[in-house]
Amino acid sequence: MPKKCVVLLSGGIDSSTTLFYAKSRGFSCKALIFDYGQRHKREIHSAIAIAKAANVPYRIIKIKLPWKGSSLIDSSSKIPVTRSGHIGKGIPSTYVPGRNTIFISFAISYAEAIGAEAVFIGANAIDYSGYPDCRPSYYKAFNKVIKEGTKAKNITIKTPLIKTKKSDIIKLGLKLGVPYNLTWSCYKGGSRPCGVCDSCIIRQKGFRNLRLNVAVH
């Protein structure tokens, strides 16, 4: 029987590439998609489309973070934008407190319940907005938590893209057949990408470095 894994799928470049990567490594994948009150709900539709394209079963987990604390889940806060094409330093207001901790906890529970040996997440610490829960040390610590706090103990969080440039992630995804036209990156979640939020800028940079069409959105 193929080894099982749970993949956290947001519908963006990194998580979509991670899903196809896990499949290429022989894993039988189950995708988890979170509806956590984000203003860019467009990404949920993209995540579903990616899961279907990969022929992977998915579950949508709906949760609520009523205390907000992020411009991604508080419509009264503005999404930071830049016209310079360069990401600013520091942790931006789009950081959602504890988001990856919450998502991974759900994924570990799911993995343990179905006998999966891995949780894949498309975290990246190279081309990113500076979120603290995207750093290698965070996932190293979380793997220790799994060993101490689960019955299975053998589940591992895998971050295959964490030290990979966005352009190299896209290059890998193209080899794996990721349909990037189905993915969504914009934090604003309108009918068209804004082109000036951190996520849009990082996406544009990745495609441009490969001399590919940035409009693949």
N, C-alpha and C. Protein backbone atom coordinates (compact mmCIF):
# COMPACT_ATOMS: atom_id res chain seq x y z
N MET A 1 0.84 -1.21 0.00
CA MET A 1 0.00 0.00 0.00
C MET A 1 0.87 1.25 0.00
N PRO A 2 0.44 2.30 -0.72
CA PRO A 2 1.22 3.54 -0.72
C PRO A 2 1.17 4.22 0.64
N LYS A 3 2.21 4.93 0.99
CA LYS A 3 2.25 5.66 2.24
C LYS A 3 1.30 6.85 2.16
N LYS A 4 0.68 7.18 3.26
CA LYS A 4 -0.32 8.25 3.30
C LYS A 4 0.28 9.55 3.82
N CYS A 5 -0.29 10.66 3.35
CA CYS A 5 0.10 11.97 3.89
C CYS A 5 -1.08 12.92 3.83
N VAL A 6 -0.99 13.96 4.63
CA VAL A 6 -1.95 15.06 4.62
C VAL A 6 -1.22 16.28 4.07
N VAL A 7 -1.84 16.98 3.13
CA VAL A 7 -1.22 18.17 2.54
C VAL A 7 -2.10 19.39 2.84
N LEU A 8 -1.49 20.41 3.42
CA LEU A 8 -2.20 21.67 3.66
C LEU A 8 -2.23 22.44 2.35
N LEU A 9 -3.42 22.68 1.85
CA LEU A 9 -3.58 23.25 0.51
C LEU A 9 -4.33 24.58 0.57
N SER A 10 -3.64 25.66 0.18
CA SER A 10 -4.26 26.99 0.21
C SER A 10 -4.68 27.45 -1.18
N GLY A 11 -4.17 26.79 -2.22
CA GLY A 11 -4.51 27.20 -3.58
C GLY A 11 -3.47 28.11 -4.20
N GLY A 12 -2.38 28.40 -3.47
CA GLY A 12 -1.32 29.23 -4.00
C GLY A 12 -0.23 28.40 -4.67
N ILE A 13 0.81 29.07 -5.12
CA ILE A 13 1.91 28.41 -5.83
C ILE A 13 2.59 27.36 -4.96
N ASP A 14 2.95 27.74 -3.73
CA ASP A 14 3.75 26.85 -2.89
C ASP A 14 2.99 25.60 -2.46
N SER A 15 1.77 25.77 -1.98
CA SER A 15 1.01 24.61 -1.51
C SER A 15 0.62 23.70 -2.67
N SER A 16 0.32 24.28 -3.83
CA SER A 16 -0.04 23.48 -5.00
C SER A 16 1.15 22.65 -5.48
N THR A 17 2.32 23.29 -5.51
CA THR A 17 3.53 22.57 -5.91
C THR A 17 3.85 21.48 -4.90
N THR A 18 3.64 21.77 -3.62
CA THR A 18 3.90 20.77 -2.58
C THR A 18 2.99 19.56 -2.75
N LEU A 19 1.73 19.78 -3.09
CA LEU A 19 0.81 18.67 -3.31
C LEU A 19 1.30 17.77 -4.44
N PHE A 20 1.66 18.38 -5.55
CA PHE A 20 2.12 17.58 -6.69
C PHE A 20 3.46 16.92 -6.39
N TYR A 21 4.29 17.58 -5.58
CA TYR A 21 5.56 16.98 -5.18
C TYR A 21 5.32 15.74 -4.32
N ALA A 22 4.41 15.86 -3.35
CA ALA A 22 4.12 14.71 -2.47
C ALA A 22 3.60 13.53 -3.30
N LYS A 23 2.75 13.82 -4.27
CA LYS A 23 2.26 12.76 -5.15
C LYS A 23 3.41 12.12 -5.92
N SER A 24 4.34 12.94 -6.39
CA SER A 24 5.46 12.42 -7.17
C SER A 24 6.39 11.55 -6.33
N ARG A 25 6.33 11.70 -5.00
CA ARG A 25 7.15 10.91 -4.10
C ARG A 25 6.46 9.64 -3.66
N GLY A 26 5.31 9.36 -4.28
CA GLY A 26 4.62 8.10 -4.01
C GLY A 26 3.63 8.12 -2.88
N PHE A 27 3.29 9.31 -2.38
CA PHE A 27 2.33 9.40 -1.28
C PHE A 27 0.90 9.38 -1.80
N SER A 28 0.04 8.74 -1.02
CA SER A 28 -1.40 8.84 -1.23
C SER A 28 -1.86 10.04 -0.42
N CYS A 29 -2.25 11.10 -1.09
CA CYS A 29 -2.47 12.40 -0.43
C CYS A 29 -3.94 12.66 -0.09
N LYS A 30 -4.12 13.32 1.05
CA LYS A 30 -5.41 13.88 1.44
C LYS A 30 -5.16 15.37 1.66
N ALA A 31 -5.95 16.21 1.03
CA ALA A 31 -5.75 17.65 1.15
C ALA A 31 -6.69 18.26 2.18
N LEU A 32 -6.14 19.19 2.96
CA LEU A 32 -6.94 19.97 3.90
C LEU A 32 -6.96 21.42 3.44
N ILE A 33 -8.15 21.96 3.30
CA ILE A 33 -8.34 23.35 2.87
C ILE A 33 -9.06 24.09 4.01
N PHE A 34 -8.53 25.24 4.40
CA PHE A 34 -9.13 25.96 5.52
C PHE A 34 -9.88 27.22 5.09
N ASP A 35 -11.09 27.31 5.59
CA ASP A 35 -11.88 28.53 5.48
C ASP A 35 -11.87 29.13 6.88
N TYR A 36 -11.00 30.12 7.10
CA TYR A 36 -10.81 30.66 8.45
C TYR A 36 -11.27 32.11 8.55
N GLY A 37 -12.12 32.50 7.60
CA GLY A 37 -12.63 33.86 7.62
C GLY A 37 -11.77 34.83 6.85
N GLN A 38 -10.87 34.31 6.01
CA GLN A 38 -9.99 35.17 5.23
C GLN A 38 -10.79 35.98 4.20
N ARG A 39 -10.35 37.20 3.98
CA ARG A 39 -11.05 38.07 3.03
C ARG A 39 -10.80 37.62 1.60
N HIS A 40 -9.69 36.88 1.37
CA HIS A 40 -9.38 36.38 0.03
C HIS A 40 -9.93 34.96 -0.15
N LYS A 41 -11.26 34.81 -0.04
CA LYS A 41 -11.87 33.49 -0.16
C LYS A 41 -11.72 32.91 -1.56
N ARG A 42 -11.30 33.74 -2.49
CA ARG A 42 -11.03 33.26 -3.85
C ARG A 42 -10.04 32.10 -3.83
N GLU A 43 -9.12 32.10 -2.83
CA GLU A 43 -8.11 31.05 -2.76
C GLU A 43 -8.73 29.69 -2.45
N ILE A 44 -9.87 29.67 -1.78
CA ILE A 44 -10.52 28.40 -1.46
C ILE A 44 -10.98 27.72 -2.75
N HIS A 45 -11.54 28.49 -3.67
CA HIS A 45 -11.98 27.94 -4.95
C HIS A 45 -10.78 27.40 -5.74
N SER A 46 -9.65 28.11 -5.64
CA SER A 46 -8.44 27.65 -6.32
C SER A 46 -7.93 26.36 -5.70
N ALA A 47 -7.96 26.28 -4.39
CA ALA A 47 -7.50 25.06 -3.70
C ALA A 47 -8.34 23.86 -4.12
N ILE A 48 -9.64 24.05 -4.21
CA ILE A 48 -10.53 22.96 -4.64
C ILE A 48 -10.19 22.55 -6.06
N ALA A 49 -9.98 23.54 -6.93
CA ALA A 49 -9.65 23.25 -8.33
C ALA A 49 -8.33 22.49 -8.45
N ILE A 50 -7.34 22.87 -7.63
CA ILE A 50 -6.04 22.20 -7.65
C ILE A 50 -6.19 20.76 -7.15
N ALA A 51 -6.94 20.55 -6.08
CA ALA A 51 -7.14 19.20 -5.55
C ALA A 51 -7.80 18.30 -6.60
N LYS A 52 -8.77 18.86 -7.30
CA LYS A 52 -9.45 18.09 -8.35
C LYS A 52 -8.51 17.79 -9.51
N ALA A 53 -7.67 18.76 -9.87
CA ALA A 53 -6.73 18.57 -10.96
C ALA A 53 -5.71 17.49 -10.62
N ALA A 54 -5.36 17.42 -9.33
CA ALA A 54 -4.40 16.41 -8.87
C ALA A 54 -5.08 15.08 -8.57
N ASN A 55 -6.41 15.06 -8.69
CA ASN A 55 -7.19 13.85 -8.39
C ASN A 55 -6.94 13.39 -6.95
N VAL A 56 -6.99 14.36 -6.04
CA VAL A 56 -6.75 14.10 -4.62
C VAL A 56 -8.00 14.46 -3.82
N PRO A 57 -8.44 13.59 -2.91
CA PRO A 57 -9.60 13.93 -2.07
C PRO A 57 -9.26 15.09 -1.13
N TYR A 58 -10.24 15.92 -0.86
CA TYR A 58 -9.99 17.08 -0.01
C TYR A 58 -11.12 17.27 0.99
N ARG A 59 -10.78 17.96 2.07
CA ARG A 59 -11.77 18.34 3.08
C ARG A 59 -11.60 19.82 3.36
N ILE A 60 -12.73 20.52 3.48
CA ILE A 60 -12.71 21.95 3.82
C ILE A 60 -13.03 22.08 5.31
N ILE A 61 -12.11 22.68 6.05
CA ILE A 61 -12.30 22.88 7.48
C ILE A 61 -12.66 24.34 7.72
N LYS A 62 -13.82 24.57 8.29
CA LYS A 62 -14.28 25.95 8.54
C LYS A 62 -14.07 26.28 10.01
N ILE A 63 -13.27 27.28 10.27
CA ILE A 63 -13.04 27.72 11.64
C ILE A 63 -13.20 29.25 11.69
N LYS A 64 -13.24 29.77 12.90
CA LYS A 64 -13.41 31.22 13.06
C LYS A 64 -12.42 31.73 14.09
N LEU A 65 -11.77 32.84 13.77
CA LEU A 65 -10.85 33.48 14.70
C LEU A 65 -11.46 34.84 15.07
N PRO A 66 -12.39 34.86 16.01
CA PRO A 66 -13.16 36.08 16.29
C PRO A 66 -12.33 37.24 16.83
N TRP A 67 -11.13 36.96 17.34
CA TRP A 67 -10.28 38.04 17.87
C TRP A 67 -9.50 38.75 16.76
N LYS A 68 -9.58 38.22 15.56
CA LYS A 68 -8.96 38.84 14.38
C LYS A 68 -7.45 39.02 14.57
N GLY A 69 -6.94 40.24 14.58
CA GLY A 69 -5.51 40.44 14.76
C GLY A 69 -4.70 40.41 13.49
N SER A 70 -5.37 40.45 12.34
CA SER A 70 -4.67 40.42 11.05
C SER A 70 -5.52 41.12 10.00
N SER A 71 -4.86 41.78 9.07
CA SER A 71 -5.60 42.44 7.99
C SER A 71 -6.19 41.43 7.01
N LEU A 72 -5.78 40.17 7.10
CA LEU A 72 -6.38 39.15 6.24
C LEU A 72 -7.76 38.71 6.71
N ILE A 73 -8.04 38.92 8.01
CA ILE A 73 -9.33 38.48 8.54
C ILE A 73 -10.12 39.63 9.17
N ASP A 74 -9.63 40.83 8.99
CA ASP A 74 -10.32 42.02 9.51
C ASP A 74 -10.52 43.00 8.36
N SER A 75 -11.73 43.07 7.86
CA SER A 75 -12.02 43.89 6.69
C SER A 75 -11.86 45.39 6.97
N SER A 76 -11.77 45.77 8.25
CA SER A 76 -11.59 47.18 8.58
C SER A 76 -10.11 47.58 8.50
N SER A 77 -9.23 46.60 8.36
CA SER A 77 -7.79 46.88 8.24
C SER A 77 -7.38 46.80 6.77
N LYS A 78 -6.49 47.67 6.37
CA LYS A 78 -6.05 47.69 4.98
C LYS A 78 -4.92 46.70 4.74
N ILE A 79 -4.99 46.02 3.60
CA ILE A 79 -3.89 45.15 3.18
C ILE A 79 -2.72 46.04 2.77
N PRO A 80 -1.53 45.83 3.33
CA PRO A 80 -0.39 46.66 2.94
C PRO A 80 0.00 46.43 1.48
N VAL A 81 0.30 47.51 0.79
CA VAL A 81 0.69 47.41 -0.62
C VAL A 81 1.97 48.20 -0.83
N THR A 82 2.63 47.92 -1.94
CA THR A 82 3.83 48.66 -2.30
C THR A 82 3.87 48.87 -3.80
N ARG A 83 4.31 50.01 -4.21
CA ARG A 83 4.45 50.31 -5.64
C ARG A 83 5.89 50.17 -6.10
N SER A 84 6.78 49.85 -5.15
CA SER A 84 8.20 49.79 -5.47
C SER A 84 8.62 48.43 -6.02
N GLY A 85 7.80 47.41 -5.77
CA GLY A 85 8.16 46.06 -6.22
C GLY A 85 9.07 45.34 -5.26
N HIS A 86 9.31 45.93 -4.07
CA HIS A 86 10.17 45.31 -3.07
C HIS A 86 9.38 45.09 -1.78
N ILE A 87 9.55 43.90 -1.18
CA ILE A 87 8.86 43.58 0.06
C ILE A 87 9.54 44.29 1.22
N GLY A 88 8.74 44.90 2.09
CA GLY A 88 9.31 45.60 3.23
C GLY A 88 9.82 44.65 4.30
N LYS A 89 10.59 45.20 5.24
CA LYS A 89 11.13 44.39 6.34
C LYS A 89 10.14 44.34 7.49
N GLY A 90 10.31 43.34 8.36
CA GLY A 90 9.41 43.19 9.49
C GLY A 90 8.24 42.31 9.16
N ILE A 91 7.45 42.02 10.17
CA ILE A 91 6.27 41.16 10.01
C ILE A 91 5.08 42.02 9.63
N PRO A 92 4.48 41.81 8.47
CA PRO A 92 3.38 42.66 8.01
C PRO A 92 2.06 42.34 8.72
N SER A 93 1.10 43.22 8.52
CA SER A 93 -0.21 43.06 9.17
C SER A 93 -0.99 41.86 8.62
N THR A 94 -0.53 41.30 7.50
CA THR A 94 -1.21 40.12 6.94
C THR A 94 -0.88 38.84 7.71
N TYR A 95 0.08 38.91 8.62
CA TYR A 95 0.37 37.75 9.47
C TYR A 95 -0.84 37.45 10.35
N VAL A 96 -1.29 36.20 10.33
CA VAL A 96 -2.43 35.78 11.15
C VAL A 96 -1.88 35.06 12.38
N PRO A 97 -2.09 35.60 13.59
CA PRO A 97 -1.52 35.00 14.80
C PRO A 97 -1.87 33.52 14.96
N GLY A 98 -0.82 32.69 15.01
CA GLY A 98 -1.01 31.27 15.27
C GLY A 98 -1.61 30.46 14.13
N ARG A 99 -1.73 31.04 12.94
CA ARG A 99 -2.43 30.34 11.86
C ARG A 99 -1.82 28.99 11.52
N ASN A 100 -0.53 28.95 11.25
CA ASN A 100 0.07 27.66 10.89
C ASN A 100 0.05 26.67 12.04
N THR A 101 0.16 27.16 13.26
CA THR A 101 0.07 26.28 14.43
C THR A 101 -1.30 25.61 14.48
N ILE A 102 -2.33 26.39 14.21
CA ILE A 102 -3.69 25.85 14.20
C ILE A 102 -3.87 24.86 13.06
N PHE A 103 -3.44 25.26 11.86
CA PHE A 103 -3.60 24.39 10.68
C PHE A 103 -2.85 23.07 10.85
N ILE A 104 -1.62 23.16 11.31
CA ILE A 104 -0.81 21.94 11.46
C ILE A 104 -1.39 21.04 12.53
N SER A 105 -1.94 21.62 13.59
CA SER A 105 -2.56 20.81 14.64
C SER A 105 -3.73 20.00 14.08
N PHE A 106 -4.55 20.63 13.26
CA PHE A 106 -5.63 19.91 12.59
C PHE A 106 -5.06 18.80 11.71
N ALA A 107 -4.02 19.13 10.95
CA ALA A 107 -3.44 18.16 10.02
C ALA A 107 -2.82 16.97 10.74
N ILE A 108 -2.18 17.23 11.88
CA ILE A 108 -1.60 16.13 12.66
C ILE A 108 -2.69 15.22 13.20
N SER A 109 -3.76 15.82 13.70
CA SER A 109 -4.89 15.04 14.19
C SER A 109 -5.46 14.15 13.08
N TYR A 110 -5.64 14.75 11.91
CA TYR A 110 -6.16 14.01 10.75
C TYR A 110 -5.20 12.89 10.35
N ALA A 111 -3.91 13.23 10.30
CA ALA A 111 -2.90 12.23 9.91
C ALA A 111 -2.88 11.05 10.88
N GLU A 112 -2.95 11.36 12.16
CA GLU A 112 -2.93 10.28 13.15
C GLU A 112 -4.17 9.40 13.05
N ALA A 113 -5.31 10.04 12.78
CA ALA A 113 -6.57 9.30 12.69
C ALA A 113 -6.61 8.35 11.50
N ILE A 114 -5.96 8.72 10.39
CA ILE A 114 -6.01 7.89 9.18
C ILE A 114 -4.74 7.06 8.97
N GLY A 115 -3.82 7.16 9.91
CA GLY A 115 -2.59 6.38 9.79
C GLY A 115 -1.60 6.92 8.79
N ALA A 116 -1.62 8.25 8.59
CA ALA A 116 -0.65 8.88 7.67
C ALA A 116 0.67 9.10 8.40
N GLU A 117 1.74 9.10 7.64
CA GLU A 117 3.07 9.26 8.25
C GLU A 117 3.67 10.64 8.06
N ALA A 118 2.99 11.50 7.30
CA ALA A 118 3.57 12.82 7.04
C ALA A 118 2.49 13.87 6.85
N VAL A 119 2.87 15.10 7.20
CA VAL A 119 2.07 16.28 6.91
C VAL A 119 2.95 17.19 6.05
N PHE A 120 2.49 17.50 4.86
CA PHE A 120 3.24 18.37 3.95
C PHE A 120 2.67 19.79 4.00
N ILE A 121 3.55 20.76 4.06
CA ILE A 121 3.13 22.16 4.01
C ILE A 121 4.11 22.93 3.11
N GLY A 122 3.58 23.83 2.31
CA GLY A 122 4.40 24.57 1.36
C GLY A 122 5.04 25.81 1.94
N ALA A 123 5.53 25.72 3.16
CA ALA A 123 6.18 26.87 3.80
C ALA A 123 7.46 27.23 3.06
N ASN A 124 7.74 28.54 3.03
CA ASN A 124 8.94 29.01 2.35
C ASN A 124 9.56 30.15 3.14
N ALA A 125 10.87 30.07 3.37
CA ALA A 125 11.56 31.09 4.15
C ALA A 125 12.55 31.89 3.30
N ILE A 126 12.41 31.82 1.99
CA ILE A 126 13.28 32.57 1.09
C ILE A 126 12.52 33.75 0.47
N ASP A 127 11.54 33.44 -0.39
CA ASP A 127 10.68 34.48 -0.97
C ASP A 127 9.37 34.48 -0.20
N TYR A 128 9.31 35.25 0.90
CA TYR A 128 8.12 35.27 1.74
C TYR A 128 8.00 36.61 2.43
N SER A 129 6.91 36.80 3.17
CA SER A 129 6.64 38.09 3.79
C SER A 129 7.23 38.24 5.19
N GLY A 130 8.01 37.27 5.65
CA GLY A 130 8.63 37.38 6.96
C GLY A 130 7.83 36.80 8.11
N TYR A 131 6.85 35.96 7.80
CA TYR A 131 6.03 35.36 8.86
C TYR A 131 6.89 34.44 9.73
N PRO A 132 6.78 34.52 11.06
CA PRO A 132 7.60 33.68 11.94
C PRO A 132 7.27 32.19 11.85
N ASP A 133 6.05 31.85 11.43
CA ASP A 133 5.67 30.44 11.34
C ASP A 133 5.96 29.85 9.96
N CYS A 134 6.92 30.46 9.25
CA CYS A 134 7.39 29.89 7.99
C CYS A 134 8.88 29.57 8.05
N ARG A 135 9.46 29.62 9.23
CA ARG A 135 10.89 29.42 9.40
C ARG A 135 11.23 27.97 9.70
N PRO A 136 12.38 27.48 9.26
CA PRO A 136 12.78 26.08 9.50
C PRO A 136 12.78 25.71 10.98
N SER A 137 13.22 26.62 11.85
CA SER A 137 13.29 26.32 13.29
C SER A 137 11.91 26.03 13.87
N TYR A 138 10.90 26.68 13.33
CA TYR A 138 9.52 26.46 13.80
C TYR A 138 9.09 25.03 13.53
N TYR A 139 9.36 24.53 12.32
CA TYR A 139 8.93 23.18 11.96
C TYR A 139 9.77 22.12 12.66
N LYS A 140 11.03 22.43 12.91
CA LYS A 140 11.87 21.53 13.68
C LYS A 140 11.32 21.36 15.09
N ALA A 141 10.90 22.46 15.68
CA ALA A 141 10.31 22.42 17.03
C ALA A 141 8.99 21.67 17.02
N PHE A 142 8.18 21.87 15.97
CA PHE A 142 6.87 21.22 15.90
C PHE A 142 7.03 19.71 15.76
N ASN A 143 8.04 19.27 15.06
CA ASN A 143 8.27 17.83 14.95
C ASN A 143 8.59 17.21 16.31
N LYS A 144 9.24 17.98 17.18
CA LYS A 144 9.50 17.51 18.54
C LYS A 144 8.19 17.40 19.32
N VAL A 145 7.30 18.36 19.10
CA VAL A 145 5.99 18.33 19.76
C VAL A 145 5.21 17.08 19.37
N ILE A 146 5.28 16.71 18.08
CA ILE A 146 4.58 15.51 17.61
C ILE A 146 5.07 14.27 18.34
N LYS A 147 6.39 14.15 18.49
CA LYS A 147 6.96 12.98 19.15
C LYS A 147 6.55 12.91 20.62
N GLU A 148 6.40 14.08 21.24
CA GLU A 148 6.04 14.12 22.66
C GLU A 148 4.54 14.03 22.90
N GLY A 149 3.75 14.50 21.93
CA GLY A 149 2.32 14.67 22.22
C GLY A 149 1.35 13.87 21.39
N THR A 150 1.82 12.86 20.64
CA THR A 150 0.89 12.02 19.88
C THR A 150 1.13 10.55 20.20
N LYS A 151 0.12 9.78 19.99
CA LYS A 151 0.22 8.34 20.20
C LYS A 151 1.07 7.71 19.10
N ALA A 152 0.89 8.20 17.87
CA ALA A 152 1.60 7.62 16.73
C ALA A 152 3.11 7.90 16.80
N LYS A 153 3.47 9.12 17.14
CA LYS A 153 4.86 9.57 17.30
C LYS A 153 5.69 9.60 16.01
N ASN A 154 5.23 8.89 14.98
CA ASN A 154 6.05 8.75 13.77
C ASN A 154 5.65 9.72 12.65
N ILE A 155 4.73 10.62 12.93
CA ILE A 155 4.31 11.59 11.91
C ILE A 155 5.37 12.69 11.80
N THR A 156 5.70 13.06 10.58
CA THR A 156 6.71 14.08 10.36
C THR A 156 6.15 15.22 9.51
N ILE A 157 6.42 16.44 9.91
CA ILE A 157 6.06 17.59 9.08
C ILE A 157 7.15 17.77 8.03
N LYS A 158 6.75 17.80 6.78
CA LYS A 158 7.70 17.92 5.68
C LYS A 158 7.51 19.27 4.99
N THR A 159 8.63 19.97 4.80
CA THR A 159 8.61 21.30 4.18
C THR A 159 9.59 21.30 3.00
N PRO A 160 9.26 20.63 1.91
CA PRO A 160 10.22 20.45 0.82
C PRO A 160 10.65 21.73 0.11
N LEU A 161 9.88 22.82 0.29
CA LEU A 161 10.19 24.06 -0.45
C LEU A 161 10.74 25.16 0.44
N ILE A 162 11.02 24.86 1.68
CA ILE A 162 11.27 25.92 2.65
C ILE A 162 12.52 26.75 2.33
N LYS A 163 13.49 26.17 1.65
CA LYS A 163 14.71 26.92 1.31
C LYS A 163 14.86 27.06 -0.21
N THR A 164 13.73 27.19 -0.90
CA THR A 164 13.73 27.24 -2.36
C THR A 164 13.20 28.58 -2.86
N LYS A 165 13.88 29.18 -3.81
CA LYS A 165 13.42 30.44 -4.40
C LYS A 165 12.11 30.22 -5.17
N LYS A 166 11.32 31.26 -5.24
CA LYS A 166 10.01 31.14 -5.91
C LYS A 166 10.16 30.68 -7.36
N SER A 167 11.15 31.21 -8.06
CA SER A 167 11.34 30.82 -9.46
C SER A 167 11.67 29.34 -9.58
N ASP A 168 12.45 28.80 -8.62
CA ASP A 168 12.79 27.38 -8.64
C ASP A 168 11.59 26.51 -8.25
N ILE A 169 10.73 27.06 -7.39
CA ILE A 169 9.50 26.35 -7.04
C ILE A 169 8.62 26.21 -8.29
N ILE A 170 8.49 27.31 -9.02
CA ILE A 170 7.67 27.30 -10.24
C ILE A 170 8.27 26.35 -11.27
N LYS A 171 9.58 26.37 -11.38
CA LYS A 171 10.25 25.48 -12.33
C LYS A 171 9.97 24.01 -11.99
N LEU A 172 10.04 23.69 -10.70
CA LEU A 172 9.74 22.32 -10.25
C LEU A 172 8.29 21.99 -10.55
N GLY A 173 7.39 22.92 -10.25
CA GLY A 173 5.97 22.67 -10.47
C GLY A 173 5.64 22.44 -11.93
N LEU A 174 6.29 23.15 -12.80
CA LEU A 174 6.05 22.96 -14.23
C LEU A 174 6.46 21.55 -14.66
N LYS A 175 7.55 21.05 -14.09
CA LYS A 175 7.98 19.68 -14.40
C LYS A 175 6.97 18.66 -13.87
N LEU A 176 6.34 19.00 -12.75
CA LEU A 176 5.39 18.09 -12.12
C LEU A 176 3.98 18.22 -12.70
N GLY A 177 3.78 19.23 -13.54
CA GLY A 177 2.47 19.42 -14.16
C GLY A 177 1.49 20.23 -13.35
N VAL A 178 1.97 21.08 -12.47
CA VAL A 178 1.07 21.92 -11.67
C VAL A 178 0.36 22.92 -12.57
N PRO A 179 -0.96 22.96 -12.54
CA PRO A 179 -1.70 23.93 -13.38
C PRO A 179 -1.74 25.30 -12.70
N TYR A 180 -0.68 26.07 -12.88
CA TYR A 180 -0.57 27.35 -12.18
C TYR A 180 -1.67 28.33 -12.57
N ASN A 181 -2.30 28.12 -13.70
CA ASN A 181 -3.41 29.00 -14.10
C ASN A 181 -4.59 28.88 -13.15
N LEU A 182 -4.62 27.80 -12.37
CA LEU A 182 -5.71 27.60 -11.41
C LEU A 182 -5.38 28.17 -10.03
N THR A 183 -4.13 28.53 -9.81
CA THR A 183 -3.73 28.99 -8.48
C THR A 183 -4.08 30.46 -8.25
N TRP A 184 -4.06 30.84 -6.98
CA TRP A 184 -4.38 32.22 -6.60
C TRP A 184 -3.42 32.66 -5.50
N SER A 185 -2.89 33.87 -5.62
CA SER A 185 -1.94 34.37 -4.64
C SER A 185 -2.36 35.67 -3.95
N CYS A 186 -3.15 36.48 -4.60
CA CYS A 186 -3.46 37.83 -4.11
C CYS A 186 -4.16 37.81 -2.75
N TYR A 187 -3.68 38.66 -1.84
CA TYR A 187 -4.27 38.75 -0.51
C TYR A 187 -5.65 39.41 -0.52
N LYS A 188 -5.92 40.22 -1.53
CA LYS A 188 -7.19 40.95 -1.55
C LYS A 188 -8.36 40.10 -2.02
N GLY A 189 -8.08 39.11 -2.86
CA GLY A 189 -9.12 38.17 -3.25
C GLY A 189 -10.22 38.73 -4.10
N GLY A 190 -9.95 39.71 -4.93
CA GLY A 190 -10.97 40.25 -5.81
C GLY A 190 -11.14 39.38 -7.04
N SER A 191 -11.79 39.93 -8.06
CA SER A 191 -11.97 39.16 -9.29
C SER A 191 -10.66 39.06 -10.08
N ARG A 192 -9.76 40.03 -9.84
CA ARG A 192 -8.44 40.03 -10.47
C ARG A 192 -7.39 40.34 -9.40
N PRO A 193 -6.17 39.80 -9.55
CA PRO A 193 -5.12 40.10 -8.57
C PRO A 193 -4.78 41.58 -8.55
N CYS A 194 -4.49 42.10 -7.36
CA CYS A 194 -4.23 43.55 -7.23
C CYS A 194 -2.87 43.93 -7.81
N GLY A 195 -1.90 43.02 -7.74
CA GLY A 195 -0.58 43.28 -8.30
C GLY A 195 0.35 44.05 -7.40
N VAL A 196 -0.13 44.53 -6.23
CA VAL A 196 0.71 45.36 -5.38
C VAL A 196 0.81 44.87 -3.92
N CYS A 197 0.13 43.79 -3.57
CA CYS A 197 0.30 43.22 -2.23
C CYS A 197 1.57 42.35 -2.24
N ASP A 198 2.07 42.00 -1.06
CA ASP A 198 3.30 41.20 -0.97
C ASP A 198 3.21 39.92 -1.79
N SER A 199 2.09 39.23 -1.67
CA SER A 199 1.95 37.93 -2.32
C SER A 199 1.96 38.06 -3.85
N CYS A 200 1.31 39.10 -4.34
CA CYS A 200 1.31 39.35 -5.80
C CYS A 200 2.73 39.67 -6.29
N ILE A 201 3.44 40.48 -5.52
CA ILE A 201 4.79 40.88 -5.92
C ILE A 201 5.73 39.68 -5.96
N ILE A 202 5.63 38.82 -4.95
CA ILE A 202 6.47 37.61 -4.90
C ILE A 202 6.14 36.71 -6.07
N ARG A 203 4.86 36.57 -6.37
CA ARG A 203 4.44 35.73 -7.51
C ARG A 203 5.00 36.29 -8.83
N GLN A 204 4.83 37.59 -9.02
CA GLN A 204 5.31 38.23 -10.25
C GLN A 204 6.81 38.04 -10.43
N LYS A 205 7.55 38.21 -9.34
CA LYS A 205 9.00 38.06 -9.38
C LYS A 205 9.39 36.65 -9.82
N GLY A 206 8.70 35.65 -9.28
CA GLY A 206 9.02 34.27 -9.62
C GLY A 206 8.83 33.96 -11.09
N PHE A 207 7.72 34.40 -11.65
CA PHE A 207 7.46 34.15 -13.07
C PHE A 207 8.38 34.97 -13.96
N ARG A 208 8.62 36.21 -13.58
CA ARG A 208 9.48 37.06 -14.40
C ARG A 208 10.92 36.55 -14.44
N ASN A 209 11.39 36.00 -13.33
CA ASN A 209 12.75 35.46 -13.31
C ASN A 209 12.91 34.28 -14.26
N LEU A 210 11.78 33.62 -14.58
CA LEU A 210 11.80 32.52 -15.54
C LEU A 210 11.37 32.98 -16.93
N ARG A 211 11.13 34.29 -17.04
CA ARG A 211 10.67 34.87 -18.30
C ARG A 211 9.37 34.21 -18.78
N LEU A 212 8.49 34.01 -17.82
CA LEU A 212 7.18 33.42 -18.13
C LEU A 212 6.10 34.48 -17.93
N ASN A 213 4.93 34.17 -18.42
CA ASN A 213 3.81 35.09 -18.33
C ASN A 213 3.37 35.29 -16.90
N VAL A 214 3.50 36.50 -16.40
CA VAL A 214 3.11 36.80 -15.02
C VAL A 214 1.60 36.71 -14.84
N ALA A 215 0.87 36.86 -15.92
CA ALA A 215 -0.59 36.88 -15.84
C ALA A 215 -1.20 35.51 -15.60
N VAL A 216 -0.36 34.48 -15.50
CA VAL A 216 -0.89 33.15 -15.21
C VAL A 216 -1.39 33.18 -13.78
N HIS A 217 -2.65 33.47 -13.57
CA HIS A 217 -3.20 33.64 -12.23
C HIS A 217 -4.56 32.98 -12.11
